Amino acid sequence: MNAQTSADRFPPGDRFKAATPQPKPGILDISPYVPGKARADGVAEPVKLSANENILGCSPLAQAAFGEVAGKLNLYPDGRGTLLRDAVAARYGLEPERIILGCGTDEIFALLNQVYIAPGDNIVQGEFGFGAYAIGARGAGGTVKFAAEPDYRIDVDALIAQVDEHTRIVFVANPGNPTGTIIRAEEIARLHAELPPSVLLVLDGAYAEFASAPDYTDGLELARGAANVVVTHTFSKIHGLAALRVGWAYAPAAVADAVERVRLPFNTSIPAQAAAVAALGDEEFQARSRAHVEHWRPWLVQQLGGLGLEVVPSSANFILVGLPDADGRRAPDAEAFLASRGLLVRGVAGYGLPNHLRITLGLEEHNRALVDALAAFLKG
């Protein structure tokens, strides 16, 4: 009896014809996420202003809590993250069963795409929206529709115009990243009111704690009574725990239940949960972080505007700066010049902003050095 070959056992066509394992269609068309630079050639310890990290570090209470669990590294964490979920719920007045924990909010975006996006579906986001939204949608086999952001701001009418019968999720970062701009509470409410009830509205509040405008909202109040609104927050920014990767979402009960069915177990570690609970309780550190941003953000805007640069109004811990462009290389050249002086900032050409740099607010000496370096670059 002749042995069967793979060609006999499997019908010809599709990916069985390939000589090596092949990813599913669309995966290799995705541009990988590129993080902010952390190194500069010839500079031993550059100042990293490229990733919107908290320049003040993190809460000393969080550091202590992290150290206290060092003897538990052989144990699996509580898969439900009960202590952290309860702490978030108590802080914000939420139901703990409606809270989703993630390995950063990036994982939560990926989970929502995994649960709600199938081939043929789409998401809608602003043209300068955070890259993780699109990566997750395309990875799930969906497509991405972009809405114009005039003046670097989310336009509700433009978003709604992109929604069709195949739309399953609308992602809105508020404040935006990399723009730093906000969408007002009444516009959030109008956007929600005009969306079909079958479309999930995801409000990304990664930088919400730095937004102080009286008409700003992160959307939690709207989400309390809506069946199609999810609000996300992160411990990476104001709490300064970016290394530990902890994010959370407040979702309708049905959405939380669906996500829990595919969320991997133990996705937040014991040290991460312990540090996050402690950080949440350190209101003094949070207030100091906000005060630092509220002091240096307008100063940097004024100084860079005085150099003739375009500075986009920001409600986050970073600013978006546009450079006058004569040859298409002004922003990359400035980024390289700053790096040579030990100042790392973020080029955002990948977000459709080739003439801009995103700059995290630093300590006083960093901010002053940045202004001096950009002044020298422009003179050169």
Protein backbone atom coordinates (compact mmCIF):
# COMPACT_ATOMS: atom_id res chain seq x y z
CA MET A 1 0.00 0.00 0.00
CA ASN A 2 1.46 3.34 -1.06
CA ALA A 3 2.03 5.96 1.60
CA GLN A 4 -0.09 9.05 1.22
CA THR A 5 1.64 12.34 0.53
CA SER A 6 0.46 15.68 1.89
CA ALA A 7 -0.87 16.46 -1.60
CA ASP A 8 -3.07 13.37 -1.41
CA ARG A 9 -4.33 14.12 2.09
CA PHE A 10 -5.12 17.79 1.58
CA PRO A 11 -6.94 19.34 -1.36
CA PRO A 12 -4.87 21.62 -3.54
CA GLY A 13 -5.16 25.38 -3.09
CA ASP A 14 -5.16 27.92 -0.31
CA ARG A 15 -2.17 27.89 2.04
CA PHE A 16 -1.59 24.10 1.66
CA LYS A 17 0.37 24.82 -1.51
CA ALA A 18 2.99 26.86 0.33
CA ALA A 19 6.41 25.41 1.03
CA THR A 20 6.41 26.91 4.54
CA PRO A 21 3.72 27.88 7.08
CA GLN A 22 2.00 31.09 6.00
CA PRO A 23 0.24 33.71 8.11
CA LYS A 24 -3.38 34.36 7.32
CA PRO A 25 -4.16 37.02 4.70
CA GLY A 26 -3.58 40.58 5.80
CA ILE A 27 -1.10 39.93 8.62
CA LEU A 28 1.99 40.82 6.59
CA ASP A 29 0.28 44.00 5.40
CA ILE A 30 0.22 45.34 8.97
CA SER A 31 2.93 47.85 9.85
CA PRO A 32 4.38 46.86 13.24
CA TYR A 33 4.08 49.37 16.07
CA VAL A 34 7.26 51.44 16.46
CA PRO A 35 7.85 52.72 20.03
CA GLY A 36 9.60 55.96 20.90
CA LYS A 37 13.38 55.82 20.73
CA ALA A 38 15.28 54.98 23.89
CA ARG A 39 18.87 55.29 22.61
CA ALA A 40 20.99 57.85 20.80
CA ASP A 41 24.28 57.08 19.05
CA GLY A 42 27.22 58.43 21.00
CA VAL A 43 25.12 59.49 24.02
CA ALA A 44 25.45 57.35 27.13
CA GLU A 45 22.28 58.44 28.95
CA PRO A 46 19.96 60.46 26.74
CA VAL A 47 16.87 62.19 28.11
CA LYS A 48 13.88 60.22 26.88
CA LEU A 49 11.06 62.56 25.86
CA SER A 50 9.74 60.20 23.20
CA ALA A 51 7.23 57.92 24.96
CA ASN A 52 5.02 60.17 27.14
CA GLU A 53 6.28 58.52 30.32
CA ASN A 54 5.87 60.25 33.68
CA ILE A 55 9.09 62.24 34.06
CA LEU A 56 8.65 62.26 37.86
CA GLY A 57 8.87 58.47 38.03
CA CYS A 58 6.21 56.67 40.05
CA SER A 59 4.69 56.74 43.50
CA PRO A 60 7.08 55.70 46.30
CA LEU A 61 4.16 53.72 47.70
CA ALA A 62 4.00 51.77 44.43
CA GLN A 63 7.74 51.11 44.57
CA ALA A 64 7.41 49.81 48.12
CA ALA A 65 4.45 47.59 47.21
CA PHE A 66 6.42 46.19 44.27
CA GLY A 67 9.31 45.28 46.57
CA GLU A 68 7.07 43.69 49.17
CA VAL A 69 5.92 40.97 46.76
CA ALA A 70 9.42 40.00 45.61
CA GLY A 71 9.08 36.78 47.58
CA LYS A 72 6.01 35.74 45.60
CA LEU A 73 7.53 35.50 42.15
CA ASN A 74 7.02 31.72 42.13
CA LEU A 75 3.24 32.15 42.40
CA TYR A 76 0.59 32.77 39.78
CA PRO A 77 -1.34 36.01 40.29
CA ASP A 78 -5.02 36.20 41.03
CA GLY A 79 -6.37 35.71 37.53
CA ARG A 80 -9.28 38.04 38.21
CA GLY A 81 -7.12 40.73 39.76
CA THR A 82 -9.68 41.04 42.54
CA LEU A 83 -7.82 43.51 44.77
CA LEU A 84 -7.03 45.82 41.86
CA ARG A 85 -10.52 45.60 40.37
CA ASP A 86 -12.00 46.43 43.76
CA ALA A 87 -9.59 49.35 44.22
CA VAL A 88 -10.46 50.82 40.81
CA ALA A 89 -14.16 50.32 41.47
CA ALA A 90 -13.95 52.05 44.86
CA ARG A 91 -11.93 54.96 43.49
CA TYR A 92 -14.29 55.70 40.61
CA GLY A 93 -17.57 54.44 42.05
CA LEU A 94 -17.91 51.58 39.55
CA GLU A 95 -19.15 47.99 39.64
CA PRO A 96 -16.10 45.69 39.87
CA GLU A 97 -17.74 43.02 37.70
CA ARG A 98 -17.78 45.50 34.81
CA ILE A 99 -14.04 46.18 35.01
CA ILE A 100 -11.63 44.48 32.59
CA LEU A 101 -7.94 44.36 33.45
CA GLY A 102 -5.33 44.22 30.72
CA CYS A 103 -1.60 44.03 30.11
CA GLY A 104 -1.77 47.75 29.36
CA THR A 105 -4.77 49.18 27.56
CA ASP A 106 -3.16 47.95 24.33
CA GLU A 107 -4.24 44.43 25.25
CA ILE A 108 -7.78 45.61 25.96
CA PHE A 109 -8.00 47.21 22.50
CA ALA A 110 -6.75 43.94 20.98
CA LEU A 111 -9.29 41.93 22.97
CA LEU A 112 -12.18 44.16 21.89
CA ASN A 113 -11.11 43.78 18.27
CA GLN A 114 -10.78 40.03 18.72
CA VAL A 115 -14.28 39.75 20.17
CA TYR A 116 -16.16 42.12 17.87
CA ILE A 117 -14.28 42.25 14.56
CA ALA A 118 -14.61 39.52 11.92
CA PRO A 119 -13.43 39.52 8.30
CA GLY A 120 -15.53 42.06 6.42
CA ASP A 121 -16.08 44.25 9.50
CA ASN A 122 -14.42 47.61 10.08
CA ILE A 123 -13.47 50.04 12.80
CA VAL A 124 -13.59 53.83 12.53
CA GLN A 125 -11.01 56.13 14.09
CA GLY A 126 -9.56 59.60 13.60
CA GLU A 127 -6.86 59.97 10.97
CA PHE A 128 -4.24 60.57 13.68
CA GLY A 129 -5.57 57.90 16.05
CA PHE A 130 -3.34 55.66 18.16
CA GLY A 131 -1.80 52.91 16.03
CA ALA A 132 -2.82 50.03 18.31
CA TYR A 133 -6.48 50.37 17.30
CA ALA A 134 -5.77 49.64 13.64
CA ILE A 135 -3.25 46.89 14.37
CA GLY A 136 -5.83 44.99 16.42
CA ALA A 137 -8.58 45.39 13.84
CA ARG A 138 -6.41 44.25 10.93
CA GLY A 139 -5.10 41.34 12.97
CA ALA A 140 -8.69 40.19 13.45
CA GLY A 141 -9.32 40.35 9.70
CA GLY A 142 -11.10 43.70 9.70
CA THR A 143 -10.42 46.97 7.91
CA VAL A 144 -9.90 50.51 9.17
CA LYS A 145 -11.76 53.64 8.12
CA PHE A 146 -10.19 56.98 8.95
CA ALA A 147 -12.04 60.24 9.63
CA ALA A 148 -10.37 63.58 8.96
CA GLU A 149 -9.19 65.57 11.99
CA PRO A 150 -9.23 69.24 10.95
CA ASP A 151 -7.01 71.34 13.22
CA TYR A 152 -5.73 68.06 14.69
CA ARG A 153 -9.04 67.46 16.50
CA ILE A 154 -11.61 64.68 16.35
CA ASP A 155 -14.54 65.77 14.19
CA VAL A 156 -17.76 64.03 15.25
CA ASP A 157 -19.47 64.55 11.91
CA ALA A 158 -16.48 63.13 10.05
CA LEU A 159 -16.48 60.06 12.31
CA ILE A 160 -20.21 59.47 11.85
CA ALA A 161 -19.88 59.84 8.08
CA GLN A 162 -17.44 56.91 8.03
CA VAL A 163 -19.77 54.54 9.91
CA ASP A 164 -21.56 51.99 7.73
CA GLU A 165 -23.35 48.67 8.12
CA HIS A 166 -20.01 46.89 8.58
CA THR A 167 -18.74 49.13 11.39
CA ARG A 168 -18.44 47.37 14.74
CA ILE A 169 -16.21 49.72 16.81
CA VAL A 170 -15.45 53.45 16.87
CA PHE A 171 -12.23 54.32 18.72
CA VAL A 172 -11.69 57.80 20.15
CA ALA A 173 -8.64 58.79 22.20
CA ASN A 174 -9.51 61.73 24.45
CA PRO A 175 -7.06 63.46 24.82
CA GLY A 176 -5.73 62.33 21.47
CA ASN A 177 -2.38 60.71 20.86
CA PRO A 178 -0.22 62.06 19.20
CA THR A 179 -2.18 65.32 19.00
CA GLY A 180 -3.00 66.00 22.66
CA THR A 181 -6.30 67.64 21.70
CA ILE A 182 -9.64 66.90 23.36
CA ILE A 183 -13.23 66.41 22.31
CA ARG A 184 -15.78 68.11 24.57
CA ALA A 185 -18.36 66.31 26.69
CA GLU A 186 -21.29 67.47 24.58
CA GLU A 187 -19.60 66.19 21.44
CA ILE A 188 -18.96 62.80 23.04
CA ALA A 189 -22.66 62.64 23.92
CA ARG A 190 -23.66 63.62 20.39
CA LEU A 191 -21.34 61.03 18.86
CA HIS A 192 -22.84 58.32 21.04
CA ALA A 193 -26.40 59.42 20.29
CA GLU A 194 -25.83 59.24 16.53
CA LEU A 195 -24.12 55.86 16.47
CA PRO A 196 -26.18 52.72 15.83
CA PRO A 197 -26.70 50.79 19.07
CA SER A 198 -24.82 47.84 17.55
CA VAL A 199 -21.59 49.89 17.30
CA LEU A 200 -19.24 49.90 20.28
CA LEU A 201 -17.84 53.32 21.22
CA VAL A 202 -14.42 52.97 22.88
CA LEU A 203 -13.16 56.07 24.69
CA ASP A 204 -9.43 55.83 25.37
CA GLY A 205 -8.59 57.93 28.44
CA ALA A 206 -4.87 57.20 28.69
CA TYR A 207 -4.16 60.89 29.33
CA ALA A 208 -7.47 61.79 30.98
CA GLU A 209 -5.88 62.73 34.30
CA PHE A 210 -3.95 65.56 32.63
CA ALA A 211 -7.05 67.13 31.00
CA SER A 212 -8.39 70.01 33.10
CA ALA A 213 -10.79 71.80 30.74
CA PRO A 214 -14.19 72.28 32.41
CA ASP A 215 -16.03 70.76 29.44
CA TYR A 216 -13.85 67.63 29.32
CA THR A 217 -15.08 64.15 30.23
CA ASP A 218 -13.46 60.74 30.06
CA GLY A 219 -16.90 59.25 29.40
CA LEU A 220 -17.37 57.21 32.58
CA GLU A 221 -20.69 58.87 33.39
CA LEU A 222 -21.97 58.11 29.90
CA ALA A 223 -20.72 54.51 30.14
CA ARG A 224 -22.62 53.84 33.38
CA GLY A 225 -25.96 53.66 31.60
CA ALA A 226 -24.99 52.86 28.01
CA ALA A 227 -24.96 49.36 26.53
CA ASN A 228 -22.32 50.19 23.91
CA VAL A 229 -19.69 52.40 25.57
CA VAL A 230 -16.30 51.26 26.91
CA VAL A 231 -13.91 53.62 28.72
CA THR A 232 -10.25 52.71 29.20
CA HIS A 233 -7.58 54.06 31.54
CA THR A 234 -3.95 53.16 32.07
CA PHE A 235 -1.47 53.10 34.95
CA SER A 236 1.36 53.95 32.54
CA LYS A 237 0.97 57.74 32.43
CA ILE A 238 0.02 59.70 35.52
CA HIS A 239 0.84 56.76 37.79
CA GLY A 240 4.22 56.17 36.13
CA LEU A 241 3.95 52.38 35.95
CA ALA A 242 4.64 51.93 32.23
CA ALA A 243 7.12 49.10 32.89
CA LEU A 244 4.45 47.00 34.62
CA ARG A 245 1.84 47.17 31.83
CA VAL A 246 -1.47 47.62 33.64
CA GLY A 247 -4.63 49.02 32.09
CA TRP A 248 -8.32 48.78 32.85
CA ALA A 249 -11.64 49.26 31.12
CA TYR A 250 -15.16 49.94 32.34
CA ALA A 251 -17.55 48.13 30.04
CA PRO A 252 -21.20 47.07 29.85
CA ALA A 253 -21.73 43.77 31.64
CA ALA A 254 -22.32 41.90 28.37
CA VAL A 255 -19.12 43.30 26.84
CA ALA A 256 -17.08 42.47 29.94
CA ASP A 257 -18.47 38.93 29.91
CA ALA A 258 -17.57 38.42 26.24
CA VAL A 259 -14.03 39.75 26.69
CA GLU A 260 -13.44 37.60 29.78
CA ARG A 261 -14.08 34.51 27.64
CA VAL A 262 -10.99 35.20 25.50
CA ARG A 263 -8.77 37.12 27.90
CA LEU A 264 -5.71 35.06 28.72
CA PRO A 265 -5.39 34.00 32.36
CA PHE A 266 -2.89 35.80 34.60
CA ASN A 267 -2.48 38.76 32.21
CA THR A 268 -1.53 41.12 35.03
CA SER A 269 1.24 40.04 37.39
CA ILE A 270 1.40 40.05 41.19
CA PRO A 271 3.93 42.96 41.26
CA ALA A 272 1.85 44.91 38.74
CA GLN A 273 -1.38 44.46 40.68
CA ALA A 274 0.25 45.37 44.01
CA ALA A 275 1.99 48.47 42.64
CA ALA A 276 -1.15 49.62 40.83
CA VAL A 277 -3.29 49.38 43.97
CA ALA A 278 -0.72 51.41 45.91
CA ALA A 279 -0.36 53.98 43.11
CA LEU A 280 -4.11 54.45 42.94
CA GLY A 281 -4.11 55.42 46.60
CA ASP A 282 -1.23 57.89 46.36
CA GLU A 283 -3.17 61.04 45.57
CA GLU A 284 -0.23 63.26 46.53
CA PHE A 285 1.93 61.81 43.74
CA GLN A 286 -0.92 62.14 41.24
CA ALA A 287 -1.44 65.78 42.23
CA ARG A 288 2.28 66.49 41.90
CA SER A 289 2.35 64.90 38.44
CA ARG A 290 -0.60 67.01 37.30
CA ALA A 291 0.90 70.18 38.75
CA HIS A 292 4.19 69.56 36.95
CA VAL A 293 2.42 69.20 33.62
CA GLU A 294 0.14 72.18 34.19
CA HIS A 295 3.17 74.36 34.97
CA TRP A 296 5.52 73.33 32.16
CA ARG A 297 3.03 72.68 29.36
CA PRO A 298 2.09 76.36 28.83
CA TRP A 299 5.70 77.41 29.32
CA LEU A 300 6.93 75.10 26.61
CA VAL A 301 4.08 76.10 24.30
CA GLN A 302 5.00 79.77 24.72
CA GLN A 303 8.72 79.20 24.24
CA LEU A 304 8.41 77.04 21.14
CA GLY A 305 5.76 79.31 19.67
CA GLY A 306 8.22 82.16 20.14
CA LEU A 307 10.68 80.29 17.92
CA GLY A 308 8.09 80.36 15.13
CA LEU A 309 7.06 76.74 15.53
CA GLU A 310 3.47 75.49 15.31
CA VAL A 311 2.39 74.09 18.69
CA VAL A 312 -0.89 72.17 18.85
CA PRO A 313 -2.92 72.96 22.01
CA SER A 314 -2.52 69.97 24.33
CA SER A 315 -4.40 68.52 27.31
CA ALA A 316 -1.86 65.73 27.84
CA ASN A 317 1.67 65.40 29.21
CA PHE A 318 3.17 66.04 25.77
CA ILE A 319 2.91 68.55 22.95
CA LEU A 320 2.81 68.15 19.19
CA VAL A 321 5.13 70.57 17.40
CA GLY A 322 5.12 71.38 13.69
CA LEU A 323 8.28 72.55 11.96
CA PRO A 324 8.38 74.81 8.90
CA ASP A 325 9.23 72.48 6.05
CA ALA A 326 11.19 73.44 2.97
CA ASP A 327 12.54 70.14 1.72
CA GLY A 328 10.49 67.42 3.41
CA ARG A 329 13.21 66.62 5.94
CA ARG A 330 12.79 69.33 8.55
CA ALA A 331 11.22 67.18 11.31
CA PRO A 332 13.53 64.15 10.83
CA ASP A 333 16.55 66.46 10.77
CA ALA A 334 15.40 68.18 13.96
CA GLU A 335 14.81 64.81 15.62
CA ALA A 336 18.35 63.72 14.72
CA PHE A 337 19.82 67.04 15.88
CA LEU A 338 18.09 66.80 19.24
CA ALA A 339 19.24 63.19 19.63
CA SER A 340 22.82 64.29 19.05
CA ARG A 341 22.37 66.58 22.05
CA GLY A 342 20.96 63.77 24.15
CA LEU A 343 17.27 64.70 23.79
CA LEU A 344 15.04 61.96 22.38
CA VAL A 345 11.69 63.06 20.90
CA ARG A 346 9.19 61.22 18.72
CA GLY A 347 8.86 61.63 14.97
CA VAL A 348 5.25 60.96 13.97
CA ALA A 349 5.44 60.48 10.22
CA GLY A 350 3.85 57.06 10.78
CA TYR A 351 0.74 58.87 12.02
CA GLY A 352 0.51 60.96 8.85
CA LEU A 353 2.34 63.92 10.41
CA PRO A 354 5.72 63.98 8.65
CA ASN A 355 6.47 67.59 9.60
CA HIS A 356 5.81 67.18 13.32
CA LEU A 357 7.51 65.98 16.48
CA ARG A 358 5.78 64.77 19.64
CA ILE A 359 7.62 65.90 22.75
CA THR A 360 7.00 64.65 26.30
CA LEU A 361 7.19 67.28 29.02
CA GLY A 362 10.41 66.84 30.96
CA LEU A 363 11.94 68.25 34.10
CA GLU A 364 12.86 71.94 34.11
CA GLU A 365 16.40 71.32 32.91
CA HIS A 366 15.14 69.07 30.11
CA ASN A 367 12.57 71.59 28.90
CA ARG A 368 15.05 74.46 28.89
CA ALA A 369 17.66 72.35 27.09
CA LEU A 370 15.05 71.38 24.51
CA VAL A 371 14.17 75.01 23.76
CA ASP A 372 17.84 75.95 23.46
CA ALA A 373 18.54 72.99 21.15
CA LEU A 374 15.60 73.72 18.85
CA ALA A 375 16.62 77.39 18.69
CA ALA A 376 20.12 76.31 17.66
CA PHE A 377 18.72 73.91 15.06
CA LEU A 378 16.52 76.58 13.50
CA LYS A 379 19.41 79.04 13.31
CA GLY A 380 21.62 76.39 11.70
